[in-house]
PDB file of N, CA and C in Angstrom:
ATOM      1  N   GLN A   1       0.968  -0.891  -0.036  1.00  0.00           N
ATOM      2  CA  GLN A   1      -0.176   0.010   0.170  1.00  0.00           C
ATOM      3  C   GLN A   1       0.708   1.273   0.253  1.00  0.00           C
ATOM      4  N   VAL A   2       0.610   2.535  -0.282  1.00  0.00           N
ATOM      5  CA  VAL A   2       0.861   3.494  -0.380  1.00  0.00           C
ATOM      6  C   VAL A   2       1.148   4.373   1.066  1.00  0.00           C
ATOM      7  N   GLN A   3       2.352   4.283   1.176  1.00  0.00           N
ATOM      8  CA  GLN A   3       3.156   4.904   2.113  1.00  0.00           C
ATOM      9  C   GLN A   3       4.227   6.212   1.841  1.00  0.00           C
ATOM     10  N   LEU A   4       3.326   6.957   2.988  1.00  0.00           N
ATOM     11  CA  LEU A   4       4.170   8.538   2.555  1.00  0.00           C
ATOM     12  C   LEU A   4       4.952   9.350   4.039  1.00  0.00           C
ATOM     13  N   VAL A   5       5.994   9.244   4.421  1.00  0.00           N
ATOM     14  CA  VAL A   5       6.041   9.540   6.271  1.00  0.00           C
ATOM     15  C   VAL A   5       7.205  10.728   5.891  1.00  0.00           C
ATOM     16  N   GLU A   6       6.547  11.494   6.749  1.00  0.00           N
ATOM     17  CA  GLU A   6       7.781  12.778   6.477  1.00  0.00           C
ATOM     18  C   GLU A   6       8.641  12.610   7.926  1.00  0.00           C
ATOM     19  N   SER A   7       9.546  13.754   7.863  1.00  0.00           N
ATOM     20  CA  SER A   7      10.399  13.942   8.875  1.00  0.00           C
ATOM     21  C   SER A   7      11.120  15.132   8.831  1.00  0.00           C
ATOM     22  N   GLY A   8      11.490  15.732   9.764  1.00  0.00           N
ATOM     23  CA  GLY A   8      12.444  17.068   9.305  1.00  0.00           C
ATOM     24  C   GLY A   8      11.708  18.070  10.547  1.00  0.00           C
ATOM     25  N   GLY A   9      10.354  18.128  10.869  1.00  0.00           N
ATOM     26  CA  GLY A   9      10.007  19.358  11.109  1.00  0.00           C
ATOM     27  C   GLY A   9      10.639  19.778  12.649  1.00  0.00           C
ATOM     28  N   GLY A  10      10.106  20.692  13.263  1.00  0.00           N
ATOM     29  CA  GLY A  10      10.522  21.235  14.614  1.00  0.00           C
ATOM     30  C   GLY A  10      10.687  22.733  14.529  1.00  0.00           C
ATOM     31  N   LEU A  11      11.058  23.157  15.650  1.00  0.00           N
ATOM     32  CA  LEU A  11      10.832  24.503  16.150  1.00  0.00           C
ATOM     33  C   LEU A  11      12.540  25.077  15.831  1.00  0.00           C
ATOM     34  N   VAL A  12      12.107  26.336  15.214  1.00  0.00           N
ATOM     35  CA  VAL A  12      13.027  27.336  14.316  1.00  0.00           C
ATOM     36  C   VAL A  12      12.748  28.898  15.159  1.00  0.00           C
ATOM     37  N   GLN A  13      13.917  29.858  14.762  1.00  0.00           N
ATOM     38  CA  GLN A  13      13.411  31.279  14.844  1.00  0.00           C
ATOM     39  C   GLN A  13      12.986  31.461  13.566  1.00  0.00           C
ATOM     40  N   PRO A  14      12.492  33.110  13.270  1.00  0.00           N
ATOM     41  CA  PRO A  14      12.539  33.232  12.112  1.00  0.00           C
ATOM     42  C   PRO A  14      14.022  33.547  11.933  1.00  0.00           C
ATOM     43  N   GLY A  15      13.805  33.778  10.187  1.00  0.00           N
ATOM     44  CA  GLY A  15      14.502  33.653   9.723  1.00  0.00           C
ATOM     45  C   GLY A  15      15.696  32.302   9.492  1.00  0.00           C
ATOM     46  N   GLY A  16      15.418  31.353  10.176  1.00  0.00           N
ATOM     47  CA  GLY A  16      16.029  29.880   9.933  1.00  0.00           C
ATOM     48  C   GLY A  16      15.667  29.087   8.734  1.00  0.00           C
ATOM     49  N   SER A  17      16.087  28.104   8.870  1.00  0.00           N
ATOM     50  CA  SER A  17      15.745  27.248   8.093  1.00  0.00           C
ATOM     51  C   SER A  17      15.714  26.069   8.084  1.00  0.00           C
ATOM     52  N   LEU A  18      14.679  25.002   7.688  1.00  0.00           N
ATOM     53  CA  LEU A  18      14.081  23.686   7.943  1.00  0.00           C
ATOM     54  C   LEU A  18      14.019  22.881   6.508  1.00  0.00           C
ATOM     55  N   ARG A  19      14.369  21.405   6.422  1.00  0.00           N
ATOM     56  CA  ARG A  19      14.589  20.579   5.578  1.00  0.00           C
ATOM     57  C   ARG A  19      13.472  19.450   5.880  1.00  0.00           C
ATOM     58  N   LEU A  20      12.231  19.418   5.137  1.00  0.00           N
ATOM     59  CA  LEU A  20      11.466  18.476   5.301  1.00  0.00           C
ATOM     60  C   LEU A  20      12.158  17.310   4.573  1.00  0.00           C
ATOM     61  N   SER A  21      11.305  16.313   4.787  1.00  0.00           N
ATOM     62  CA  SER A  21      12.025  14.900   3.946  1.00  0.00           C
ATOM     63  C   SER A  21      10.690  14.483   3.686  1.00  0.00           C
ATOM     64  N   CYS A  22      10.237  13.495   2.988  1.00  0.00           N
ATOM     65  CA  CYS A  22       9.557  12.664   3.039  1.00  0.00           C
ATOM     66  C   CYS A  22       9.616  11.001   1.762  1.00  0.00           C
ATOM     67  N   ALA A  23       9.322   9.956   2.784  1.00  0.00           N
ATOM     68  CA  ALA A  23       9.924   8.646   1.911  1.00  0.00           C
ATOM     69  C   ALA A  23       8.243   8.436   1.701  1.00  0.00           C
ATOM     70  N   ALA A  24       8.390   7.771   0.420  1.00  0.00           N
ATOM     71  CA  ALA A  24       7.591   7.177  -0.346  1.00  0.00           C
ATOM     72  C   ALA A  24       7.997   5.671  -1.000  1.00  0.00           C
ATOM     73  N   SER A  25       6.763   4.771  -0.491  1.00  0.00           N
ATOM     74  CA  SER A  25       6.804   3.322  -0.501  1.00  0.00           C
ATOM     75  C   SER A  25       5.290   3.048  -1.641  1.00  0.00           C
ATOM     76  N   GLY A  26       5.496   1.666  -2.008  1.00  0.00           N
ATOM     77  CA  GLY A  26       4.105   1.297  -2.015  1.00  0.00           C
ATOM     78  C   GLY A  26       3.383   1.577  -3.616  1.00  0.00           C
ATOM     79  N   PHE A  27       4.488   2.511  -4.596  1.00  0.00           N
ATOM     80  CA  PHE A  27       3.759   2.639  -6.002  1.00  0.00           C
ATOM     81  C   PHE A  27       5.226   3.103  -6.463  1.00  0.00           C
ATOM     82  N   THR A  28       4.827   3.388  -7.744  1.00  0.00           N
ATOM     83  CA  THR A  28       6.019   3.374  -8.848  1.00  0.00           C
ATOM     84  C   THR A  28       6.391   4.788  -8.730  1.00  0.00           C
ATOM     85  N   PHE A  29       7.538   5.777  -7.724  1.00  0.00           N
ATOM     86  CA  PHE A  29       7.356   6.887  -7.230  1.00  0.00           C
ATOM     87  C   PHE A  29       7.922   7.597  -8.767  1.00  0.00           C
ATOM     88  N   ARG A  30       8.450   7.363  -9.331  1.00  0.00           N
ATOM     89  CA  ARG A  30       9.222   8.553 -10.279  1.00  0.00           C
ATOM     90  C   ARG A  30       7.608   8.893 -11.646  1.00  0.00           C
ATOM     91  N   ARG A  31       7.082   7.852 -11.351  1.00  0.00           N
ATOM     92  CA  ARG A  31       5.930   7.689 -11.935  1.00  0.00           C
ATOM     93  C   ARG A  31       4.778   9.193 -12.005  1.00  0.00           C
ATOM     94  N   TYR A  32       4.960   9.828 -10.787  1.00  0.00           N
ATOM     95  CA  TYR A  32       4.250  10.426  -9.564  1.00  0.00           C
ATOM     96  C   TYR A  32       4.371  11.721  -9.481  1.00  0.00           C
ATOM     97  N   ALA A  33       3.576  13.017  -9.624  1.00  0.00           N
ATOM     98  CA  ALA A  33       3.642  14.340  -9.108  1.00  0.00           C
ATOM     99  C   ALA A  33       3.689  14.098  -7.873  1.00  0.00           C
ATOM    100  N   MET A  34       4.276  14.702  -6.970  1.00  0.00           N
ATOM    101  CA  MET A  34       4.345  14.736  -5.485  1.00  0.00           C
ATOM    102  C   MET A  34       4.328  16.143  -5.167  1.00  0.00           C
ATOM    103  N   SER A  35       4.024  16.494  -3.931  1.00  0.00           N
ATOM    104  CA  SER A  35       3.590  17.587  -3.036  1.00  0.00           C
ATOM    105  C   SER A  35       3.659  18.048  -1.650  1.00  0.00           C
ATOM    106  N   TRP A  36       3.898  18.859  -1.308  1.00  0.00           N
ATOM    107  CA  TRP A  36       3.767  19.515  -0.090  1.00  0.00           C
ATOM    108  C   TRP A  36       2.611  20.568   0.425  1.00  0.00           C
ATOM    109  N   TYR A  37       1.407  20.040   1.016  1.00  0.00           N
ATOM    110  CA  TYR A  37       0.457  20.827   1.630  1.00  0.00           C
ATOM    111  C   TYR A  37       0.887  21.166   2.985  1.00  0.00           C
ATOM    112  N   ARG A  38       0.431  22.264   3.595  1.00  0.00           N
ATOM    113  CA  ARG A  38       0.321  22.743   5.009  1.00  0.00           C
ATOM    114  C   ARG A  38      -1.242  23.044   5.324  1.00  0.00           C
ATOM    115  N   GLN A  39      -0.960  23.082   6.722  1.00  0.00           N
ATOM    116  CA  GLN A  39      -2.337  23.668   7.479  1.00  0.00           C
ATOM    117  C   GLN A  39      -2.070  24.189   8.912  1.00  0.00           C
ATOM    118  N   ALA A  40      -2.282  25.413   8.736  1.00  0.00           N
ATOM    119  CA  ALA A  40      -2.092  26.000  10.394  1.00  0.00           C
ATOM    120  C   ALA A  40      -3.553  25.757  10.688  1.00  0.00           C
ATOM    121  N   PRO A  41      -3.010  26.450  12.267  1.00  0.00           N
ATOM    122  CA  PRO A  41      -4.511  26.570  13.240  1.00  0.00           C
ATOM    123  C   PRO A  41      -5.583  27.484  12.776  1.00  0.00           C
ATOM    124  N   GLY A  42      -6.550  26.779  12.426  1.00  0.00           N
ATOM    125  CA  GLY A  42      -7.873  27.512  12.452  1.00  0.00           C
ATOM    126  C   GLY A  42      -8.141  27.812  10.771  1.00  0.00           C
ATOM    127  N   LYS A  43      -7.041  27.691   9.468  1.00  0.00           N
ATOM    128  CA  LYS A  43      -6.973  27.969   8.549  1.00  0.00           C
ATOM    129  C   LYS A  43      -7.038  26.223   7.490  1.00  0.00           C
ATOM    130  N   GLU A  44      -7.534  26.519   6.595  1.00  0.00           N
ATOM    131  CA  GLU A  44      -7.710  25.060   5.573  1.00  0.00           C
ATOM    132  C   GLU A  44      -6.267  24.987   5.164  1.00  0.00           C
ATOM    133  N   ARG A  45      -6.290  23.723   4.874  1.00  0.00           N
ATOM    134  CA  ARG A  45      -4.790  22.771   4.243  1.00  0.00           C
ATOM    135  C   ARG A  45      -4.635  23.867   2.480  1.00  0.00           C
ATOM    136  N   GLU A  46      -3.769  24.114   2.476  1.00  0.00           N
ATOM    137  CA  GLU A  46      -3.016  24.661   1.581  1.00  0.00           C
ATOM    138  C   GLU A  46      -2.075  24.118   0.747  1.00  0.00           C
ATOM    139  N   LEU A  47      -2.062  24.079  -0.933  1.00  0.00           N
ATOM    140  CA  LEU A  47      -0.776  23.140  -1.233  1.00  0.00           C
ATOM    141  C   LEU A  47       0.620  24.518  -1.307  1.00  0.00           C
ATOM    142  N   VAL A  48       1.597  24.179  -1.080  1.00  0.00           N
ATOM    143  CA  VAL A  48       2.606  24.658  -0.513  1.00  0.00           C
ATOM    144  C   VAL A  48       3.473  24.725  -1.635  1.00  0.00           C
ATOM    145  N   ALA A  49       4.115  22.972  -2.393  1.00  0.00           N
ATOM    146  CA  ALA A  49       4.741  23.208  -3.410  1.00  0.00           C
ATOM    147  C   ALA A  49       4.212  21.934  -4.086  1.00  0.00           C
ATOM    148  N   LEU A  50       4.610  22.067  -5.197  1.00  0.00           N
ATOM    149  CA  LEU A  50       4.496  20.517  -6.086  1.00  0.00           C
ATOM    150  C   LEU A  50       5.805  20.193  -7.221  1.00  0.00           C
ATOM    151  N   VAL A  51       5.968  19.096  -7.281  1.00  0.00           N
ATOM    152  CA  VAL A  51       6.882  19.053  -8.964  1.00  0.00           C
ATOM    153  C   VAL A  51       6.588  17.825  -9.132  1.00  0.00           C
ATOM    154  N   ALA A  52       6.273  17.531 -10.766  1.00  0.00           N
ATOM    155  CA  ALA A  52       5.694  16.901 -11.357  1.00  0.00           C
ATOM    156  C   ALA A  52       7.012  15.584 -11.568  1.00  0.00           C
ATOM    157  N   ALA A  53       6.074  14.783 -12.013  1.00  0.00           N
ATOM    158  CA  ALA A  53       6.975  13.553 -12.760  1.00  0.00           C
ATOM    159  C   ALA A  53       7.845  13.724 -13.843  1.00  0.00           C
ATOM    160  N   ILE A  54       8.859  12.806 -13.226  1.00  0.00           N
ATOM    161  CA  ILE A  54      10.343  12.791 -14.371  1.00  0.00           C
ATOM    162  C   ILE A  54       9.849  13.303 -15.789  1.00  0.00           C
ATOM    163  N   GLY A  55       9.000  12.582 -16.423  1.00  0.00           N
ATOM    164  CA  GLY A  55       8.316  12.767 -17.574  1.00  0.00           C
ATOM    165  C   GLY A  55       7.699  14.059 -18.003  1.00  0.00           C
ATOM    166  N   SER A  56       7.705  15.083 -17.060  1.00  0.00           N
ATOM    167  CA  SER A  56       7.241  16.314 -17.332  1.00  0.00           C
ATOM    168  C   SER A  56       8.038  17.213 -17.043  1.00  0.00           C
ATOM    169  N   SER A  57       9.421  16.475 -16.973  1.00  0.00           N
ATOM    170  CA  SER A  57      10.916  17.320 -16.654  1.00  0.00           C
ATOM    171  C   SER A  57      10.872  17.442 -15.682  1.00  0.00           C
ATOM    172  N   GLY A  58      10.148  16.759 -14.256  1.00  0.00           N
ATOM    173  CA  GLY A  58      10.350  17.414 -13.082  1.00  0.00           C
ATOM    174  C   GLY A  58      10.194  18.835 -12.608  1.00  0.00           C
ATOM    175  N   SER A  59       9.257  19.516 -13.641  1.00  0.00           N
ATOM    176  CA  SER A  59       8.125  21.319 -13.075  1.00  0.00           C
ATOM    177  C   SER A  59       8.102  21.193 -11.739  1.00  0.00           C
ATOM    178  N   THR A  60       8.212  22.216 -11.036  1.00  0.00           N
ATOM    179  CA  THR A  60       7.570  22.803 -10.201  1.00  0.00           C
ATOM    180  C   THR A  60       7.143  23.744  -9.914  1.00  0.00           C
ATOM    181  N   ASN A  61       6.074  23.903  -9.237  1.00  0.00           N
ATOM    182  CA  ASN A  61       4.823  25.132  -8.549  1.00  0.00           C
ATOM    183  C   ASN A  61       5.264  25.413  -7.434  1.00  0.00           C
ATOM    184  N   TYR A  62       4.962  26.558  -7.027  1.00  0.00           N
ATOM    185  CA  TYR A  62       4.965  26.966  -5.561  1.00  0.00           C
ATOM    186  C   TYR A  62       3.751  28.324  -5.026  1.00  0.00           C
ATOM    187  N   ALA A  63       3.342  28.062  -4.333  1.00  0.00           N
ATOM    188  CA  ALA A  63       2.599  28.661  -3.733  1.00  0.00           C
ATOM    189  C   ALA A  63       3.372  30.835  -3.631  1.00  0.00           C
ATOM    190  N   ASP A  64       2.181  31.702  -4.159  1.00  0.00           N
ATOM    191  CA  ASP A  64       2.764  32.996  -4.155  1.00  0.00           C
ATOM    192  C   ASP A  64       3.655  33.275  -2.624  1.00  0.00           C
ATOM    193  N   SER A  65       3.171  32.482  -1.091  1.00  0.00           N
ATOM    194  CA  SER A  65       3.602  32.849  -0.151  1.00  0.00           C
ATOM    195  C   SER A  65       5.184  32.074   0.013  1.00  0.00           C
ATOM    196  N   VAL A  66       4.982  31.436  -0.595  1.00  0.00           N
ATOM    197  CA  VAL A  66       6.709  30.753  -0.146  1.00  0.00           C
ATOM    198  C   VAL A  66       7.589  31.099  -1.548  1.00  0.00           C
ATOM    199  N   LYS A  67       7.412  31.449  -2.681  1.00  0.00           N
ATOM    200  CA  LYS A  67       8.138  31.594  -3.813  1.00  0.00           C
ATOM    201  C   LYS A  67       9.941  31.995  -3.125  1.00  0.00           C
ATOM    202  N   GLY A  68      10.594  31.712  -3.747  1.00  0.00           N
ATOM    203  CA  GLY A  68      11.954  32.786  -3.109  1.00  0.00           C
ATOM    204  C   GLY A  68      12.862  32.100  -1.904  1.00  0.00           C
ATOM    205  N   ARG A  69      11.623  31.262  -1.754  1.00  0.00           N
ATOM    206  CA  ARG A  69      11.954  30.875  -0.166  1.00  0.00           C
ATOM    207  C   ARG A  69      11.869  29.587  -0.006  1.00  0.00           C
ATOM    208  N   PHE A  70      11.347  28.858  -0.689  1.00  0.00           N
ATOM    209  CA  PHE A  70      11.114  27.789  -0.542  1.00  0.00           C
ATOM    210  C   PHE A  70      11.551  26.708  -1.787  1.00  0.00           C
ATOM    211  N   THR A  71      12.229  25.178  -1.405  1.00  0.00           N
ATOM    212  CA  THR A  71      12.814  25.018  -2.459  1.00  0.00           C
ATOM    213  C   THR A  71      11.690  23.578  -2.608  1.00  0.00           C
ATOM    214  N   ILE A  72      11.422  22.636  -3.716  1.00  0.00           N
ATOM    215  CA  ILE A  72      10.721  21.371  -3.490  1.00  0.00           C
ATOM    216  C   ILE A  72      11.500  20.576  -4.140  1.00  0.00           C
ATOM    217  N   SER A  73      11.914  19.409  -4.037  1.00  0.00           N
ATOM    218  CA  SER A  73      13.036  18.347  -4.997  1.00  0.00           C
ATOM    219  C   SER A  73      12.749  16.958  -4.453  1.00  0.00           C
ATOM    220  N   ARG A  74      12.631  16.257  -5.800  1.00  0.00           N
ATOM    221  CA  ARG A  74      12.750  14.307  -5.758  1.00  0.00           C
ATOM    222  C   ARG A  74      14.249  14.315  -6.255  1.00  0.00           C
ATOM    223  N   ASP A  75      13.923  12.823  -5.473  1.00  0.00           N
ATOM    224  CA  ASP A  75      15.471  11.672  -5.790  1.00  0.00           C
ATOM    225  C   ASP A  75      14.466  10.573  -5.926  1.00  0.00           C
ATOM    226  N   ASN A  76      14.241  10.184  -7.188  1.00  0.00           N
ATOM    227  CA  ASN A  76      13.533   9.141  -7.861  1.00  0.00           C
ATOM    228  C   ASN A  76      14.131   7.772  -7.964  1.00  0.00           C
ATOM    229  N   ALA A  77      15.774   7.912  -7.485  1.00  0.00           N
ATOM    230  CA  ALA A  77      16.207   6.851  -7.052  1.00  0.00           C
ATOM    231  C   ALA A  77      15.910   6.019  -5.781  1.00  0.00           C
ATOM    232  N   ASN A  78      15.582   7.248  -4.710  1.00  0.00           N
ATOM    233  CA  ASN A  78      15.486   7.027  -3.172  1.00  0.00           C
ATOM    234  C   ASN A  78      13.892   7.120  -2.756  1.00  0.00           C
ATOM    235  N   ASN A  79      13.371   7.254  -3.891  1.00  0.00           N
ATOM    236  CA  ASN A  79      11.641   7.544  -4.244  1.00  0.00           C
ATOM    237  C   ASN A  79      11.640   8.682  -2.272  1.00  0.00           C
ATOM    238  N   MET A  80      12.509   9.441  -2.920  1.00  0.00           N
ATOM    239  CA  MET A  80      12.604  10.377  -1.569  1.00  0.00           C
ATOM    240  C   MET A  80      11.540  11.969  -2.372  1.00  0.00           C
ATOM    241  N   VAL A  81      11.261  12.793  -1.387  1.00  0.00           N
ATOM    242  CA  VAL A  81      10.809  14.177  -1.960  1.00  0.00           C
ATOM    243  C   VAL A  81      10.905  15.400  -0.706  1.00  0.00           C
ATOM    244  N   TYR A  82      11.759  16.276  -0.916  1.00  0.00           N
ATOM    245  CA  TYR A  82      11.937  17.083  -0.124  1.00  0.00           C
ATOM    246  C   TYR A  82      11.443  18.516  -0.323  1.00  0.00           C
ATOM    247  N   LEU A  83      11.834  19.411   1.234  1.00  0.00           N
ATOM    248  CA  LEU A  83      11.084  20.438   0.795  1.00  0.00           C
ATOM    249  C   LEU A  83      12.175  21.280   1.786  1.00  0.00           C
ATOM    250  N   GLN A  84      12.655  22.155   1.413  1.00  0.00           N
ATOM    251  CA  GLN A  84      13.989  23.016   1.770  1.00  0.00           C
ATOM    252  C   GLN A  84      13.301  24.305   2.224  1.00  0.00           C
ATOM    253  N   MET A  85      13.334  24.449   3.392  1.00  0.00           N
ATOM    254  CA  MET A  85      12.341  26.365   3.367  1.00  0.00           C
ATOM    255  C   MET A  85      13.498  27.154   4.287  1.00  0.00           C
ATOM    256  N   ASN A  86      13.764  28.033   3.575  1.00  0.00           N
ATOM    257  CA  ASN A  86      14.737  29.580   4.417  1.00  0.00           C
ATOM    258  C   ASN A  86      13.725  30.573   4.643  1.00  0.00           C
ATOM    259  N   SER A  87      14.522  31.376   5.040  1.00  0.00           N
ATOM    260  CA  SER A  87      14.207  32.291   5.716  1.00  0.00           C
ATOM    261  C   SER A  87      12.490  32.496   6.014  1.00  0.00           C
ATOM    262  N   LEU A  88      12.458  31.321   7.435  1.00  0.00           N
ATOM    263  CA  LEU A  88      11.043  30.823   7.933  1.00  0.00           C
ATOM    264  C   LEU A  88      10.513  32.316   8.474  1.00  0.00           C
ATOM    265  N   LYS A  89       8.921  32.460   8.911  1.00  0.00           N
ATOM    266  CA  LYS A  89       8.484  33.508   9.132  1.00  0.00           C
ATOM    267  C   LYS A  89       7.793  32.704  10.180  1.00  0.00           C
ATOM    268  N   PRO A  90       6.703  33.500  10.990  1.00  0.00           N
ATOM    269  CA  PRO A  90       5.813  33.024  12.018  1.00  0.00           C
ATOM    270  C   PRO A  90       4.653  32.538  10.905  1.00  0.00           C
ATOM    271  N   GLU A  91       4.771  32.813  10.010  1.00  0.00           N
ATOM    272  CA  GLU A  91       2.946  32.463   9.358  1.00  0.00           C
ATOM    273  C   GLU A  91       3.481  30.950   8.479  1.00  0.00           C
ATOM    274  N   ASP A  92       4.692  30.647   8.611  1.00  0.00           N
ATOM    275  CA  ASP A  92       5.014  29.707   8.060  1.00  0.00           C
ATOM    276  C   ASP A  92       4.721  28.154   8.834  1.00  0.00           C
ATOM    277  N   THR A  93       3.863  28.865  10.146  1.00  0.00           N
ATOM    278  CA  THR A  93       3.487  27.727  11.251  1.00  0.00           C
ATOM    279  C   THR A  93       2.552  27.229  10.874  1.00  0.00           C
ATOM    280  N   ALA A  94       2.824  25.475  11.099  1.00  0.00           N
ATOM    281  CA  ALA A  94       1.720  24.983  10.487  1.00  0.00           C
ATOM    282  C   ALA A  94       2.028  23.431  10.311  1.00  0.00           C
ATOM    283  N   VAL A  95       0.964  22.363  10.265  1.00  0.00           N
ATOM    284  CA  VAL A  95       1.825  21.073   9.947  1.00  0.00           C
ATOM    285  C   VAL A  95       1.832  20.816   8.665  1.00  0.00           C
ATOM    286  N   TYR A  96       2.891  20.177   8.152  1.00  0.00           N
ATOM    287  CA  TYR A  96       3.402  19.941   6.508  1.00  0.00           C
ATOM    288  C   TYR A  96       3.358  18.558   6.474  1.00  0.00           C
ATOM    289  N   TYR A  97       2.086  18.343   5.409  1.00  0.00           N
ATOM    290  CA  TYR A  97       1.831  17.257   4.798  1.00  0.00           C
ATOM    291  C   TYR A  97       2.409  17.287   3.174  1.00  0.00           C
ATOM    292  N   CYS A  98       3.215  15.563   3.207  1.00  0.00           N
ATOM    293  CA  CYS A  98       3.514  15.466   2.106  1.00  0.00           C
ATOM    294  C   CYS A  98       2.309  14.126   1.514  1.00  0.00           C
ATOM    295  N   VAL A  99       2.288  14.759   0.081  1.00  0.00           N
ATOM    296  CA  VAL A  99       0.946  14.432  -1.062  1.00  0.00           C
ATOM    297  C   VAL A  99       1.074  13.782  -2.334  1.00  0.00           C
ATOM    298  N   ALA A 100       1.076  12.693  -2.570  1.00  0.00           N
ATOM    299  CA  ALA A 100       1.137  11.912  -3.870  1.00  0.00           C
ATOM    300  C   ALA A 100      -0.539  12.461  -4.231  1.00  0.00           C
ATOM    301  N   PRO A 101      -0.429  13.553  -5.232  1.00  0.00           N
ATOM    302  CA  PRO A 101      -2.058  14.174  -5.394  1.00  0.00           C
ATOM    303  C   PRO A 101      -3.093  13.324  -6.229  1.00  0.00           C
ATOM    304  N   GLN A 102      -2.220  12.477  -7.349  1.00  0.00           N
ATOM    305  CA  GLN A 102      -2.724  11.323  -8.269  1.00  0.00           C
ATOM    306  C   GLN A 102      -3.249  10.269  -7.525  1.00  0.00           C
ATOM    307  N   LEU A 103      -2.766   9.871  -6.342  1.00  0.00           N
ATOM    308  CA  LEU A 103      -3.424   9.195  -5.755  1.00  0.00           C
ATOM    309  C   LEU A 103      -4.046   9.334  -4.632  1.00  0.00           C
ATOM    310  N   GLY A 104      -4.156  10.600  -4.266  1.00  0.00           N
ATOM    311  CA  GLY A 104      -4.830  11.069  -2.872  1.00  0.00           C
ATOM    312  C   GLY A 104      -4.289  10.777  -1.480  1.00  0.00           C
ATOM    313  N   SER A 105      -3.050  10.565  -1.629  1.00  0.00           N
ATOM    314  CA  SER A 105      -2.650   9.619  -0.651  1.00  0.00           C
ATOM    315  C   SER A 105      -2.048  10.652   0.560  1.00  0.00           C
ATOM    316  N   TRP A 106      -1.913  10.945   1.703  1.00  0.00           N
ATOM    317  CA  TRP A 106      -1.366  11.807   2.427  1.00  0.00           C
ATOM    318  C   TRP A 106      -0.317  10.781   3.876  1.00  0.00           C
ATOM    319  N   GLY A 107       0.654  11.976   3.966  1.00  0.00           N
ATOM    320  CA  GLY A 107       1.510  11.133   5.147  1.00  0.00           C
ATOM    321  C   GLY A 107       0.791  11.657   6.582  1.00  0.00           C
ATOM    322  N   GLN A 108       1.521  11.493   7.691  1.00  0.00           N
ATOM    323  CA  GLN A 108       0.512  11.762   8.790  1.00  0.00           C
ATOM    324  C   GLN A 108       1.364  13.385   8.978  1.00  0.00           C
ATOM    325  N   GLY A 109       1.900  14.190   8.425  1.00  0.00           N
ATOM    326  CA  GLY A 109       2.325  15.377   8.727  1.00  0.00           C
ATOM    327  C   GLY A 109       3.520  15.355  10.031  1.00  0.00           C
ATOM    328  N   THR A 110       4.244  16.753   9.612  1.00  0.00           N
ATOM    329  CA  THR A 110       5.491  17.013  10.454  1.00  0.00           C
ATOM    330  C   THR A 110       4.714  18.479  10.945  1.00  0.00           C
ATOM    331  N   GLN A 111       4.909  18.903  12.295  1.00  0.00           N
ATOM    332  CA  GLN A 111       4.925  20.164  12.732  1.00  0.00           C
ATOM    333  C   GLN A 111       6.068  21.164  12.501  1.00  0.00           C
ATOM    334  N   VAL A 112       5.727  22.161  12.277  1.00  0.00           N
ATOM    335  CA  VAL A 112       6.685  22.925  11.938  1.00  0.00           C
ATOM    336  C   VAL A 112       6.078  24.236  12.413  1.00  0.00           C
ATOM    337  N   THR A 113       6.895  24.808  13.125  1.00  0.00           N
ATOM    338  CA  THR A 113       7.157  26.094  14.190  1.00  0.00           C
ATOM    339  C   THR A 113       7.990  26.728  14.000  1.00  0.00           C
ATOM    340  N   VAL A 114       7.525  28.174  13.627  1.00  0.00           N
ATOM    341  CA  VAL A 114       8.644  29.178  13.706  1.00  0.00           C
ATOM    342  C   VAL A 114       8.324  30.334  14.849  1.00  0.00           C
ATOM    343  N   SER A 115       9.328  30.456  15.707  1.00  0.00           N
ATOM    344  CA  SER A 115       8.816  31.272  16.845  1.00  0.00           C
ATOM    345  C   SER A 115      10.270  31.682  17.344  1.00  0.00           C
ATOM    346  N   SER A 116      10.417  33.134  18.324  1.00  0.00           N
ATOM    347  CA  SER A 116      11.390  33.350  18.746  1.00  0.00           C
ATOM    348  C   SER A 116      11.013  33.139  20.273  1.00  0.00           C
TER     349      SER A 116
END
């Protein structure tokens, strides 16, 4: 079965960086787009970043709120997807989810807290 396991969340000061990782299994990883969503307290889930399958040149898309600060990448050899988050702001505080959108599969989420 499809499994997505996130790691790398934590507490970081404003302006700091974190790298989230997602280990995928149970499907042919390279054939599917992968994405990161987040949900802040009291807010709806939002798409943060997406990376296309390798057949689509691995193109990426970002929410306007994270453009220039976050970078999504994938390692098809190891079935991993990453989210490098720089210049973090308190408004980036949320639970971050790894998602295989075409499969409708979500990880359990990892908490990111940006606070001084």
